[in-house]
Amino acid sequence: MAERIVLSRDDLVELGIRVSNVSLLRWEAAGRFPRRIRMAGTRVAWIKAEVDAWLEARAEERSRHVYADF
């Protein structure tokens, strides 16, 4: 079985994902961000491979998006 690395909320912030917990919950519910896993009690984490894939998809999406024609 492959080793799984998990990320804490602080790890997400270090990766540049600086949104509120409420926003993360909404994104997760809408399928716009990987779902959290419950570690123990109120501690939660995200699977690093899923967050990495999400970030890669955002970078790829950026290359296709046109913000404005000047």
N, C-alpha and C. Protein backbone atom coordinates (compact mmCIF):
# COMPACT_ATOMS: atom_id res chain seq x y z
N MET A 1 0.85 -1.19 0.00
CA MET A 1 0.00 0.00 0.00
C MET A 1 0.89 1.25 0.00
N ALA A 2 0.53 2.23 -0.79
CA ALA A 2 1.31 3.46 -0.90
C ALA A 2 1.18 4.28 0.39
N GLU A 3 2.27 4.95 0.72
CA GLU A 3 2.27 5.80 1.91
C GLU A 3 1.37 7.00 1.67
N ARG A 4 0.53 7.32 2.63
CA ARG A 4 -0.35 8.47 2.54
C ARG A 4 0.14 9.56 3.46
N ILE A 5 0.27 10.74 2.89
CA ILE A 5 0.66 11.90 3.67
C ILE A 5 -0.57 12.79 3.80
N VAL A 6 -0.80 13.30 4.99
CA VAL A 6 -1.94 14.17 5.22
C VAL A 6 -1.47 15.58 5.55
N LEU A 7 -2.32 16.54 5.24
CA LEU A 7 -2.02 17.95 5.48
C LEU A 7 -2.98 18.52 6.50
N SER A 8 -2.45 19.32 7.39
CA SER A 8 -3.28 20.02 8.37
C SER A 8 -3.77 21.33 7.77
N ARG A 9 -4.59 22.03 8.51
CA ARG A 9 -5.06 23.35 8.07
C ARG A 9 -3.87 24.30 7.91
N ASP A 10 -2.91 24.23 8.83
CA ASP A 10 -1.71 25.06 8.72
C ASP A 10 -0.91 24.73 7.46
N ASP A 11 -0.86 23.45 7.11
CA ASP A 11 -0.17 23.05 5.88
C ASP A 11 -0.84 23.65 4.65
N LEU A 12 -2.17 23.68 4.65
CA LEU A 12 -2.89 24.30 3.52
C LEU A 12 -2.51 25.77 3.40
N VAL A 13 -2.45 26.46 4.51
CA VAL A 13 -2.08 27.88 4.51
C VAL A 13 -0.67 28.05 3.95
N GLU A 14 0.25 27.18 4.35
CA GLU A 14 1.62 27.25 3.83
C GLU A 14 1.66 27.03 2.32
N LEU A 15 0.72 26.24 1.79
CA LEU A 15 0.65 26.00 0.35
C LEU A 15 -0.01 27.16 -0.40
N GLY A 16 -0.49 28.15 0.35
CA GLY A 16 -1.12 29.31 -0.27
C GLY A 16 -2.63 29.23 -0.33
N ILE A 17 -3.20 28.21 0.28
CA ILE A 17 -4.66 28.06 0.30
C ILE A 17 -5.14 28.76 1.56
N ARG A 18 -5.35 30.06 1.43
CA ARG A 18 -5.68 30.92 2.58
C ARG A 18 -7.13 31.37 2.50
N VAL A 19 -8.03 30.44 2.73
CA VAL A 19 -9.46 30.75 2.74
C VAL A 19 -10.02 30.31 4.08
N SER A 20 -11.17 30.82 4.41
CA SER A 20 -11.78 30.47 5.69
C SER A 20 -12.22 29.01 5.71
N ASN A 21 -12.40 28.50 6.92
CA ASN A 21 -12.88 27.13 7.07
C ASN A 21 -14.27 26.97 6.45
N VAL A 22 -15.09 28.00 6.57
CA VAL A 22 -16.43 27.96 5.98
C VAL A 22 -16.33 27.84 4.46
N SER A 23 -15.42 28.58 3.85
CA SER A 23 -15.23 28.48 2.40
C SER A 23 -14.77 27.08 2.01
N LEU A 24 -13.83 26.53 2.77
CA LEU A 24 -13.38 25.17 2.49
C LEU A 24 -14.52 24.17 2.58
N LEU A 25 -15.34 24.31 3.61
CA LEU A 25 -16.48 23.41 3.77
C LEU A 25 -17.44 23.52 2.58
N ARG A 26 -17.69 24.74 2.13
CA ARG A 26 -18.57 24.94 0.97
C ARG A 26 -17.96 24.34 -0.29
N TRP A 27 -16.66 24.58 -0.49
CA TRP A 27 -15.98 24.02 -1.67
C TRP A 27 -16.04 22.50 -1.64
N GLU A 28 -15.80 21.91 -0.47
CA GLU A 28 -15.86 20.45 -0.34
C GLU A 28 -17.25 19.93 -0.66
N ALA A 29 -18.27 20.57 -0.11
CA ALA A 29 -19.65 20.13 -0.34
C ALA A 29 -20.04 20.23 -1.82
N ALA A 30 -19.47 21.22 -2.51
CA ALA A 30 -19.77 21.42 -3.93
C ALA A 30 -18.86 20.60 -4.84
N GLY A 31 -17.91 19.87 -4.26
CA GLY A 31 -16.98 19.08 -5.05
C GLY A 31 -15.87 19.90 -5.68
N ARG A 32 -15.64 21.10 -5.15
CA ARG A 32 -14.62 22.00 -5.71
C ARG A 32 -13.28 21.91 -4.99
N PHE A 33 -13.19 21.09 -3.95
CA PHE A 33 -11.95 20.91 -3.18
C PHE A 33 -12.00 19.51 -2.58
N PRO A 34 -10.84 18.85 -2.43
CA PRO A 34 -10.84 17.51 -1.82
C PRO A 34 -11.49 17.50 -0.44
N ARG A 35 -12.21 16.45 -0.15
CA ARG A 35 -12.90 16.33 1.14
C ARG A 35 -11.90 16.01 2.25
N ARG A 36 -12.16 16.57 3.39
CA ARG A 36 -11.31 16.34 4.57
C ARG A 36 -11.57 14.96 5.14
N ILE A 37 -10.62 14.49 5.93
CA ILE A 37 -10.81 13.25 6.68
C ILE A 37 -10.70 13.59 8.16
N ARG A 38 -11.49 12.90 8.96
CA ARG A 38 -11.47 13.14 10.40
C ARG A 38 -10.36 12.28 11.01
N MET A 39 -9.48 12.92 11.75
CA MET A 39 -8.36 12.22 12.35
C MET A 39 -8.74 11.71 13.75
N ALA A 40 -9.16 12.62 14.61
CA ALA A 40 -9.57 12.27 15.96
C ALA A 40 -10.24 13.50 16.56
N GLY A 41 -11.33 13.30 17.23
CA GLY A 41 -12.03 14.43 17.83
C GLY A 41 -12.40 15.46 16.78
N THR A 42 -11.90 16.66 16.95
CA THR A 42 -12.19 17.72 15.99
C THR A 42 -11.06 17.93 14.99
N ARG A 43 -10.00 17.12 15.07
CA ARG A 43 -8.86 17.25 14.15
C ARG A 43 -9.22 16.68 12.79
N VAL A 44 -8.93 17.46 11.76
CA VAL A 44 -9.17 17.00 10.39
C VAL A 44 -7.89 17.19 9.58
N ALA A 45 -7.84 16.52 8.43
CA ALA A 45 -6.69 16.64 7.54
C ALA A 45 -7.17 16.37 6.12
N TRP A 46 -6.30 16.69 5.17
CA TRP A 46 -6.57 16.46 3.76
C TRP A 46 -5.46 15.58 3.20
N ILE A 47 -5.79 14.69 2.30
CA ILE A 47 -4.79 13.82 1.69
C ILE A 47 -3.96 14.65 0.72
N LYS A 48 -2.65 14.66 0.94
CA LYS A 48 -1.74 15.52 0.18
C LYS A 48 -1.83 15.28 -1.32
N ALA A 49 -1.90 14.05 -1.76
CA ALA A 49 -1.96 13.75 -3.20
C ALA A 49 -3.21 14.38 -3.83
N GLU A 50 -4.32 14.40 -3.10
CA GLU A 50 -5.55 15.00 -3.63
C GLU A 50 -5.43 16.52 -3.70
N VAL A 51 -4.82 17.13 -2.69
CA VAL A 51 -4.62 18.58 -2.70
C VAL A 51 -3.64 18.96 -3.81
N ASP A 52 -2.58 18.18 -3.98
CA ASP A 52 -1.61 18.44 -5.06
C ASP A 52 -2.30 18.37 -6.43
N ALA A 53 -3.15 17.37 -6.62
CA ALA A 53 -3.88 17.24 -7.89
C ALA A 53 -4.82 18.42 -8.10
N TRP A 54 -5.45 18.89 -7.02
CA TRP A 54 -6.35 20.04 -7.11
C TRP A 54 -5.56 21.29 -7.52
N LEU A 55 -4.39 21.49 -6.90
CA LEU A 55 -3.56 22.65 -7.25
C LEU A 55 -3.09 22.56 -8.70
N GLU A 56 -2.72 21.38 -9.15
CA GLU A 56 -2.28 21.19 -10.54
C GLU A 56 -3.42 21.50 -11.51
N ALA A 57 -4.62 21.08 -11.16
CA ALA A 57 -5.79 21.37 -12.01
C ALA A 57 -6.05 22.87 -12.08
N ARG A 58 -5.86 23.58 -10.96
CA ARG A 58 -6.05 25.03 -10.98
C ARG A 58 -5.01 25.68 -11.88
N ALA A 59 -3.76 25.21 -11.84
CA ALA A 59 -2.70 25.77 -12.68
C ALA A 59 -3.01 25.51 -14.15
N GLU A 60 -3.49 24.32 -14.47
CA GLU A 60 -3.82 23.98 -15.85
C GLU A 60 -5.02 24.79 -16.33
N GLU A 61 -5.98 24.96 -15.46
CA GLU A 61 -7.18 25.75 -15.76
C GLU A 61 -6.80 27.20 -16.06
N ARG A 62 -5.84 27.71 -15.35
CA ARG A 62 -5.38 29.08 -15.54
C ARG A 62 -4.85 29.29 -16.95
N SER A 63 -4.18 28.28 -17.51
CA SER A 63 -3.61 28.43 -18.84
C SER A 63 -4.68 28.52 -19.93
N ARG A 64 -5.90 28.07 -19.64
CA ARG A 64 -6.99 28.11 -20.63
C ARG A 64 -7.90 29.31 -20.46
N HIS A 65 -7.81 30.00 -19.33
CA HIS A 65 -8.75 31.07 -19.01
C HIS A 65 -8.25 32.42 -19.53
N VAL A 66 -9.14 33.15 -20.20
CA VAL A 66 -8.81 34.49 -20.68
C VAL A 66 -9.56 35.48 -19.80
N TYR A 67 -8.82 36.37 -19.16
CA TYR A 67 -9.45 37.32 -18.24
C TYR A 67 -10.04 38.52 -18.98
N ALA A 68 -9.34 39.02 -19.97
CA ALA A 68 -9.85 40.17 -20.72
C ALA A 68 -9.02 40.34 -21.98
N ASP A 69 -9.63 40.87 -23.00
CA ASP A 69 -8.92 41.22 -24.24
C ASP A 69 -8.68 42.72 -24.25
N PHE A 70 -7.44 43.11 -24.36
CA PHE A 70 -7.13 44.53 -24.40
C PHE A 70 -6.58 44.87 -25.75
